[in-house]
Amino acid sequence: MENLSEADLKKIVDEVVSSLIREMPSQLESLVNSAPAAATKPSPAERNTVAIGADHGGYPLKETLKVFLEEKGFQVIDCGTGSTESVDYPDFARAVAQQVAEGKAWRGIMIDGAGIGSCMAANKVPGIRAAMCYDHATASNSREHNNANLLTLGAGLIGANLAKQITTTFLETEFGGGRHARRVDKIMAIES
């Protein structure tokens, strides 16, 4: 290389750069096609399925939201419970979270008395970013900034009309990406 003139060196660099530019489209296509499924946006059919669950305290609100979701055109996976008979909320929070984590549901909704315990339980399932929301602002922020994929509600704290508003906001708000994506990646990295 010491014996090459500056003109020869420039010619070699130009050929290498030209070759790389010609190969770039096929390399980019290969990268896009090999991207992990989790990084891709859900198809419209996937965006139409919501898993919902509740304990005994959240059962009446779950039934109300089920009808509300179906009227809005969503497919609903009911993870239980089926009555007001006493049950343990972690069982149902886990069932809803697994539907979302396994890609069987696009989003999840879990309802208990306060929404706190279900949020804690659901967040133990890898891939879940559950958020307990109690108004429009928390629902919007949980989606836009944190890309939450599971909503928890406290039936003892909010009424049916507010629950419908929160649910609508949660399901309609898109993730903001940008600086928030880096932060969500760091949240998810804690799992590993």
C-alpha atoms as a PDB file:
ATOM      1  CA  MET A   1       0.000   0.000   0.000  1.00  0.00           C
ATOM      2  CA  GLU A   2       2.977   2.297   0.573  1.00  0.00           C
ATOM      3  CA  ASN A   3       3.724   2.354  -3.200  1.00  0.00           C
ATOM      4  CA  LEU A   4       0.219   3.417  -4.250  1.00  0.00           C
ATOM      5  CA  SER A   5      -0.244   6.924  -5.476  1.00  0.00           C
ATOM      6  CA  GLU A   6      -2.902   9.131  -4.010  1.00  0.00           C
ATOM      7  CA  ALA A   7      -4.915   8.800  -7.235  1.00  0.00           C
ATOM      8  CA  ASP A   8      -4.713   4.966  -7.098  1.00  0.00           C
ATOM      9  CA  LEU A   9      -5.761   4.961  -3.452  1.00  0.00           C
ATOM     10  CA  LYS A  10      -8.711   7.242  -4.226  1.00  0.00           C
ATOM     11  CA  LYS A  11      -9.762   4.951  -7.073  1.00  0.00           C
ATOM     12  CA  ILE A  12      -9.721   1.891  -4.759  1.00  0.00           C
ATOM     13  CA  VAL A  13     -11.745   3.724  -2.103  1.00  0.00           C
ATOM     14  CA  ASP A  14     -14.270   4.867  -4.718  1.00  0.00           C
ATOM     15  CA  GLU A  15     -14.679   1.278  -6.003  1.00  0.00           C
ATOM     16  CA  VAL A  16     -15.181  -0.093  -2.489  1.00  0.00           C
ATOM     17  CA  VAL A  17     -17.722   2.597  -1.606  1.00  0.00           C
ATOM     18  CA  SER A  18     -19.578   2.073  -4.909  1.00  0.00           C
ATOM     19  CA  SER A  19     -19.699  -1.672  -4.278  1.00  0.00           C
ATOM     20  CA  LEU A  20     -21.082  -1.150  -0.768  1.00  0.00           C
ATOM     21  CA  ILE A  21     -23.742   1.241  -2.053  1.00  0.00           C
ATOM     22  CA  ARG A  22     -24.823  -1.300  -4.699  1.00  0.00           C
ATOM     23  CA  GLU A  23     -25.119  -4.052  -2.052  1.00  0.00           C
ATOM     24  CA  MET A  24     -26.912  -1.911   0.518  1.00  0.00           C
ATOM     25  CA  PRO A  25     -30.532  -2.463  -0.661  1.00  0.00           C
ATOM     26  CA  SER A  26     -30.246  -6.254  -0.495  1.00  0.00           C
ATOM     27  CA  GLN A  27     -28.518  -6.093   2.898  1.00  0.00           C
ATOM     28  CA  LEU A  28     -31.222  -3.787   4.267  1.00  0.00           C
ATOM     29  CA  GLU A  29     -33.944  -6.083   2.930  1.00  0.00           C
ATOM     30  CA  SER A  30     -32.236  -9.024   4.616  1.00  0.00           C
ATOM     31  CA  LEU A  31     -32.106  -7.136   7.929  1.00  0.00           C
ATOM     32  CA  VAL A  32     -35.781  -6.179   7.728  1.00  0.00           C
ATOM     33  CA  ASN A  33     -36.823  -9.743   6.888  1.00  0.00           C
ATOM     34  CA  SER A  34     -34.816 -11.178   9.779  1.00  0.00           C
ATOM     35  CA  ALA A  35     -36.094  -8.681  12.384  1.00  0.00           C
ATOM     36  CA  PRO A  36     -37.605 -10.350  15.434  1.00  0.00           C
ATOM     37  CA  ALA A  37     -41.391 -10.606  15.436  1.00  0.00           C
ATOM     38  CA  ALA A  38     -41.621  -8.571  18.654  1.00  0.00           C
ATOM     39  CA  ALA A  39     -40.138  -5.555  16.883  1.00  0.00           C
ATOM     40  CA  THR A  40     -42.764  -5.544  14.135  1.00  0.00           C
ATOM     41  CA  LYS A  41     -46.146  -3.861  14.392  1.00  0.00           C
ATOM     42  CA  PRO A  42     -49.117  -6.146  14.963  1.00  0.00           C
ATOM     43  CA  SER A  43     -51.345  -6.844  11.988  1.00  0.00           C
ATOM     44  CA  PRO A  44     -54.887  -5.409  12.054  1.00  0.00           C
ATOM     45  CA  ALA A  45     -56.304  -8.787  13.131  1.00  0.00           C
ATOM     46  CA  GLU A  46     -53.970  -8.914  16.125  1.00  0.00           C
ATOM     47  CA  ARG A  47     -54.882  -5.330  17.052  1.00  0.00           C
ATOM     48  CA  ASN A  48     -58.471  -6.476  17.317  1.00  0.00           C
ATOM     49  CA  THR A  49     -58.064  -8.971  20.184  1.00  0.00           C
ATOM     50  CA  VAL A  50     -58.188  -8.005  23.848  1.00  0.00           C
ATOM     51  CA  ALA A  51     -57.810 -10.408  26.768  1.00  0.00           C
ATOM     52  CA  ILE A  52     -59.807  -9.449  29.841  1.00  0.00           C
ATOM     53  CA  GLY A  53     -59.973 -10.848  33.344  1.00  0.00           C
ATOM     54  CA  ALA A  54     -61.080  -9.989  36.841  1.00  0.00           C
ATOM     55  CA  ASP A  55     -61.311 -11.257  40.367  1.00  0.00           C
ATOM     56  CA  HIS A  56     -64.645 -11.330  42.223  1.00  0.00           C
ATOM     57  CA  GLY A  57     -64.467  -7.601  43.000  1.00  0.00           C
ATOM     58  CA  GLY A  58     -63.886  -6.726  39.354  1.00  0.00           C
ATOM     59  CA  TYR A  59     -66.333  -9.224  37.862  1.00  0.00           C
ATOM     60  CA  PRO A  60     -69.283  -6.817  37.327  1.00  0.00           C
ATOM     61  CA  LEU A  61     -67.029  -4.214  35.663  1.00  0.00           C
ATOM     62  CA  LYS A  62     -65.392  -6.919  33.531  1.00  0.00           C
ATOM     63  CA  GLU A  63     -68.792  -7.944  32.211  1.00  0.00           C
ATOM     64  CA  THR A  64     -69.636  -4.305  31.413  1.00  0.00           C
ATOM     65  CA  LEU A  65     -66.309  -3.754  29.621  1.00  0.00           C
ATOM     66  CA  LYS A  66     -66.664  -7.015  27.685  1.00  0.00           C
ATOM     67  CA  VAL A  67     -69.898  -5.790  26.115  1.00  0.00           C
ATOM     68  CA  PHE A  68     -68.369  -2.342  25.548  1.00  0.00           C
ATOM     69  CA  LEU A  69     -65.330  -3.842  23.768  1.00  0.00           C
ATOM     70  CA  GLU A  70     -67.445  -6.136  21.609  1.00  0.00           C
ATOM     71  CA  GLU A  71     -69.637  -3.181  20.597  1.00  0.00           C
ATOM     72  CA  LYS A  72     -66.440  -1.368  19.537  1.00  0.00           C
ATOM     73  CA  GLY A  73     -65.562  -4.339  17.301  1.00  0.00           C
ATOM     74  CA  PHE A  74     -62.949  -6.079  19.455  1.00  0.00           C
ATOM     75  CA  GLN A  75     -62.612  -9.827  19.810  1.00  0.00           C
ATOM     76  CA  VAL A  76     -62.566 -10.532  23.543  1.00  0.00           C
ATOM     77  CA  ILE A  77     -60.789 -13.404  25.267  1.00  0.00           C
ATOM     78  CA  ASP A  78     -62.429 -13.805  28.670  1.00  0.00           C
ATOM     79  CA  CYS A  79     -59.886 -15.184  31.141  1.00  0.00           C
ATOM     80  CA  GLY A  80     -62.386 -15.301  34.039  1.00  0.00           C
ATOM     81  CA  THR A  81     -63.623 -15.152  36.707  1.00  0.00           C
ATOM     82  CA  GLY A  82     -67.226 -16.013  35.990  1.00  0.00           C
ATOM     83  CA  SER A  83     -68.946 -14.795  39.156  1.00  0.00           C
ATOM     84  CA  THR A  84     -68.649 -12.707  42.315  1.00  0.00           C
ATOM     85  CA  GLU A  85     -67.551 -15.770  44.315  1.00  0.00           C
ATOM     86  CA  SER A  86     -64.232 -15.065  46.061  1.00  0.00           C
ATOM     87  CA  VAL A  87     -61.106 -15.891  44.011  1.00  0.00           C
ATOM     88  CA  ASP A  88     -57.454 -14.822  43.971  1.00  0.00           C
ATOM     89  CA  TYR A  89     -56.604 -11.986  41.562  1.00  0.00           C
ATOM     90  CA  PRO A  90     -53.035 -13.191  40.765  1.00  0.00           C
ATOM     91  CA  ASP A  91     -54.446 -16.240  38.964  1.00  0.00           C
ATOM     92  CA  PHE A  92     -56.475 -14.118  36.590  1.00  0.00           C
ATOM     93  CA  ALA A  93     -53.847 -11.397  36.173  1.00  0.00           C
ATOM     94  CA  ARG A  94     -51.412 -14.108  35.119  1.00  0.00           C
ATOM     95  CA  ALA A  95     -53.911 -15.610  32.667  1.00  0.00           C
ATOM     96  CA  VAL A  96     -54.513 -12.234  30.987  1.00  0.00           C
ATOM     97  CA  ALA A  97     -50.792 -11.431  30.932  1.00  0.00           C
ATOM     98  CA  GLN A  98     -49.952 -14.775  29.331  1.00  0.00           C
ATOM     99  CA  GLN A  99     -52.446 -14.167  26.521  1.00  0.00           C
ATOM    100  CA  VAL A 100     -50.652 -10.902  25.735  1.00  0.00           C
ATOM    101  CA  ALA A 101     -47.121 -12.260  26.232  1.00  0.00           C
ATOM    102  CA  GLU A 102     -47.835 -15.230  23.947  1.00  0.00           C
ATOM    103  CA  GLY A 103     -49.250 -12.973  21.225  1.00  0.00           C
ATOM    104  CA  LYS A 104     -52.774 -14.393  21.468  1.00  0.00           C
ATOM    105  CA  ALA A 105     -54.071 -10.953  22.466  1.00  0.00           C
ATOM    106  CA  TRP A 106     -52.919  -7.507  21.372  1.00  0.00           C
ATOM    107  CA  ARG A 107     -53.714  -5.891  24.728  1.00  0.00           C
ATOM    108  CA  GLY A 108     -54.909  -7.045  28.117  1.00  0.00           C
ATOM    109  CA  ILE A 109     -57.235  -5.616  30.739  1.00  0.00           C
ATOM    110  CA  MET A 110     -57.359  -6.890  34.328  1.00  0.00           C
ATOM    111  CA  ILE A 111     -59.742  -5.651  36.978  1.00  0.00           C
ATOM    112  CA  ASP A 112     -59.636  -6.142  40.730  1.00  0.00           C
ATOM    113  CA  GLY A 113     -60.698  -3.981  43.674  1.00  0.00           C
ATOM    114  CA  ALA A 114     -57.877  -1.428  43.460  1.00  0.00           C
ATOM    115  CA  GLY A 115     -55.936  -2.485  40.339  1.00  0.00           C
ATOM    116  CA  ILE A 116     -52.647  -2.484  42.228  1.00  0.00           C
ATOM    117  CA  GLY A 117     -52.224  -6.175  43.039  1.00  0.00           C
ATOM    118  CA  SER A 118     -53.162  -7.248  39.529  1.00  0.00           C
ATOM    119  CA  CYS A 119     -50.628  -4.801  38.124  1.00  0.00           C
ATOM    120  CA  MET A 120     -47.909  -6.284  40.317  1.00  0.00           C
ATOM    121  CA  ALA A 121     -48.848  -9.858  39.368  1.00  0.00           C
ATOM    122  CA  ALA A 122     -49.116  -9.167  35.632  1.00  0.00           C
ATOM    123  CA  ASN A 123     -45.723  -7.446  35.578  1.00  0.00           C
ATOM    124  CA  LYS A 124     -44.081 -10.683  36.749  1.00  0.00           C
ATOM    125  CA  VAL A 125     -44.877 -12.264  33.357  1.00  0.00           C
ATOM    126  CA  PRO A 126     -41.972 -11.692  30.925  1.00  0.00           C
ATOM    127  CA  GLY A 127     -42.860  -9.288  28.130  1.00  0.00           C
ATOM    128  CA  ILE A 128     -45.603  -7.529  30.056  1.00  0.00           C
ATOM    129  CA  ARG A 129     -45.678  -3.829  30.812  1.00  0.00           C
ATOM    130  CA  ALA A 130     -48.810  -3.486  32.937  1.00  0.00           C
ATOM    131  CA  ALA A 131     -50.026  -0.086  34.080  1.00  0.00           C
ATOM    132  CA  MET A 132     -52.659   0.719  36.662  1.00  0.00           C
ATOM    133  CA  CYS A 133     -54.610   3.653  35.296  1.00  0.00           C
ATOM    134  CA  TYR A 134     -57.253   5.718  37.040  1.00  0.00           C
ATOM    135  CA  ASP A 135     -57.889   8.579  34.583  1.00  0.00           C
ATOM    136  CA  HIS A 136     -57.366   9.747  31.000  1.00  0.00           C
ATOM    137  CA  ALA A 137     -53.880  11.142  31.693  1.00  0.00           C
ATOM    138  CA  THR A 138     -52.473   7.936  33.210  1.00  0.00           C
ATOM    139  CA  ALA A 139     -53.961   5.833  30.408  1.00  0.00           C
ATOM    140  CA  SER A 140     -52.503   8.110  27.736  1.00  0.00           C
ATOM    141  CA  ASN A 141     -49.082   8.354  29.409  1.00  0.00           C
ATOM    142  CA  SER A 142     -48.841   4.599  29.982  1.00  0.00           C
ATOM    143  CA  ARG A 143     -49.231   3.996  26.250  1.00  0.00           C
ATOM    144  CA  GLU A 144     -47.440   7.011  24.754  1.00  0.00           C
ATOM    145  CA  HIS A 145     -44.406   6.959  27.042  1.00  0.00           C
ATOM    146  CA  ASN A 146     -44.227   3.401  28.394  1.00  0.00           C
ATOM    147  CA  ASN A 147     -45.800   1.300  25.628  1.00  0.00           C
ATOM    148  CA  ALA A 148     -47.910  -0.490  28.251  1.00  0.00           C
ATOM    149  CA  ASN A 149     -49.585  -3.586  26.871  1.00  0.00           C
ATOM    150  CA  LEU A 150     -51.821  -4.451  29.811  1.00  0.00           C
ATOM    151  CA  LEU A 151     -54.201  -2.137  31.657  1.00  0.00           C
ATOM    152  CA  THR A 152     -55.245  -2.757  35.242  1.00  0.00           C
ATOM    153  CA  LEU A 153     -58.282  -1.085  36.754  1.00  0.00           C
ATOM    154  CA  GLY A 154     -59.610  -0.768  40.284  1.00  0.00           C
ATOM    155  CA  ALA A 155     -63.339  -1.481  40.250  1.00  0.00           C
ATOM    156  CA  GLY A 156     -63.657  -0.118  43.783  1.00  0.00           C
ATOM    157  CA  LEU A 157     -62.070   3.183  42.770  1.00  0.00           C
ATOM    158  CA  ILE A 158     -63.698   4.055  39.430  1.00  0.00           C
ATOM    159  CA  GLY A 159     -67.141   3.715  37.919  1.00  0.00           C
ATOM    160  CA  ALA A 160     -68.144   2.057  34.659  1.00  0.00           C
ATOM    161  CA  ASN A 161     -68.203   5.284  32.620  1.00  0.00           C
ATOM    162  CA  LEU A 162     -64.694   6.296  33.672  1.00  0.00           C
ATOM    163  CA  ALA A 163     -63.491   2.722  33.079  1.00  0.00           C
ATOM    164  CA  LYS A 164     -64.834   2.918  29.508  1.00  0.00           C
ATOM    165  CA  GLN A 165     -63.037   6.249  28.934  1.00  0.00           C
ATOM    166  CA  ILE A 166     -59.765   4.879  30.327  1.00  0.00           C
ATOM    167  CA  THR A 167     -60.091   1.714  28.245  1.00  0.00           C
ATOM    168  CA  THR A 168     -60.760   3.701  25.063  1.00  0.00           C
ATOM    169  CA  THR A 169     -57.773   5.964  25.686  1.00  0.00           C
ATOM    170  CA  PHE A 170     -55.545   2.988  26.468  1.00  0.00           C
ATOM    171  CA  LEU A 171     -56.539   1.130  23.299  1.00  0.00           C
ATOM    172  CA  GLU A 172     -56.422   4.141  20.975  1.00  0.00           C
ATOM    173  CA  THR A 173     -53.205   5.845  22.118  1.00  0.00           C
ATOM    174  CA  GLU A 174     -50.130   4.935  20.089  1.00  0.00           C
ATOM    175  CA  PHE A 175     -46.651   4.531  21.521  1.00  0.00           C
ATOM    176  CA  GLY A 176     -44.610   7.703  20.981  1.00  0.00           C
ATOM    177  CA  GLY A 177     -41.301   5.952  20.227  1.00  0.00           C
ATOM    178  CA  GLY A 178     -38.261   8.221  20.006  1.00  0.00           C
ATOM    179  CA  ARG A 179     -36.613   8.844  23.362  1.00  0.00           C
ATOM    180  CA  HIS A 180     -39.323   6.719  24.997  1.00  0.00           C
ATOM    181  CA  ALA A 181     -38.280   3.631  23.001  1.00  0.00           C
ATOM    182  CA  ARG A 182     -34.820   3.719  24.542  1.00  0.00           C
ATOM    183  CA  ARG A 183     -36.350   3.864  27.996  1.00  0.00           C
ATOM    184  CA  VAL A 184     -38.806   1.048  27.345  1.00  0.00           C
ATOM    185  CA  ASP A 185     -35.901  -1.053  26.029  1.00  0.00           C
ATOM    186  CA  LYS A 186     -34.142  -0.450  29.352  1.00  0.00           C
ATOM    187  CA  ILE A 187     -37.267  -1.518  31.254  1.00  0.00           C
ATOM    188  CA  MET A 188     -37.435  -4.725  29.242  1.00  0.00           C
ATOM    189  CA  ALA A 189     -33.702  -5.361  29.681  1.00  0.00           C
ATOM    190  CA  ILE A 190     -34.281  -5.649  33.432  1.00  0.00           C
ATOM    191  CA  GLU A 191     -36.060  -8.966  32.759  1.00  0.00           C
ATOM    192  CA  SER A 192     -32.839 -10.502  31.513  1.00  0.00           C
END
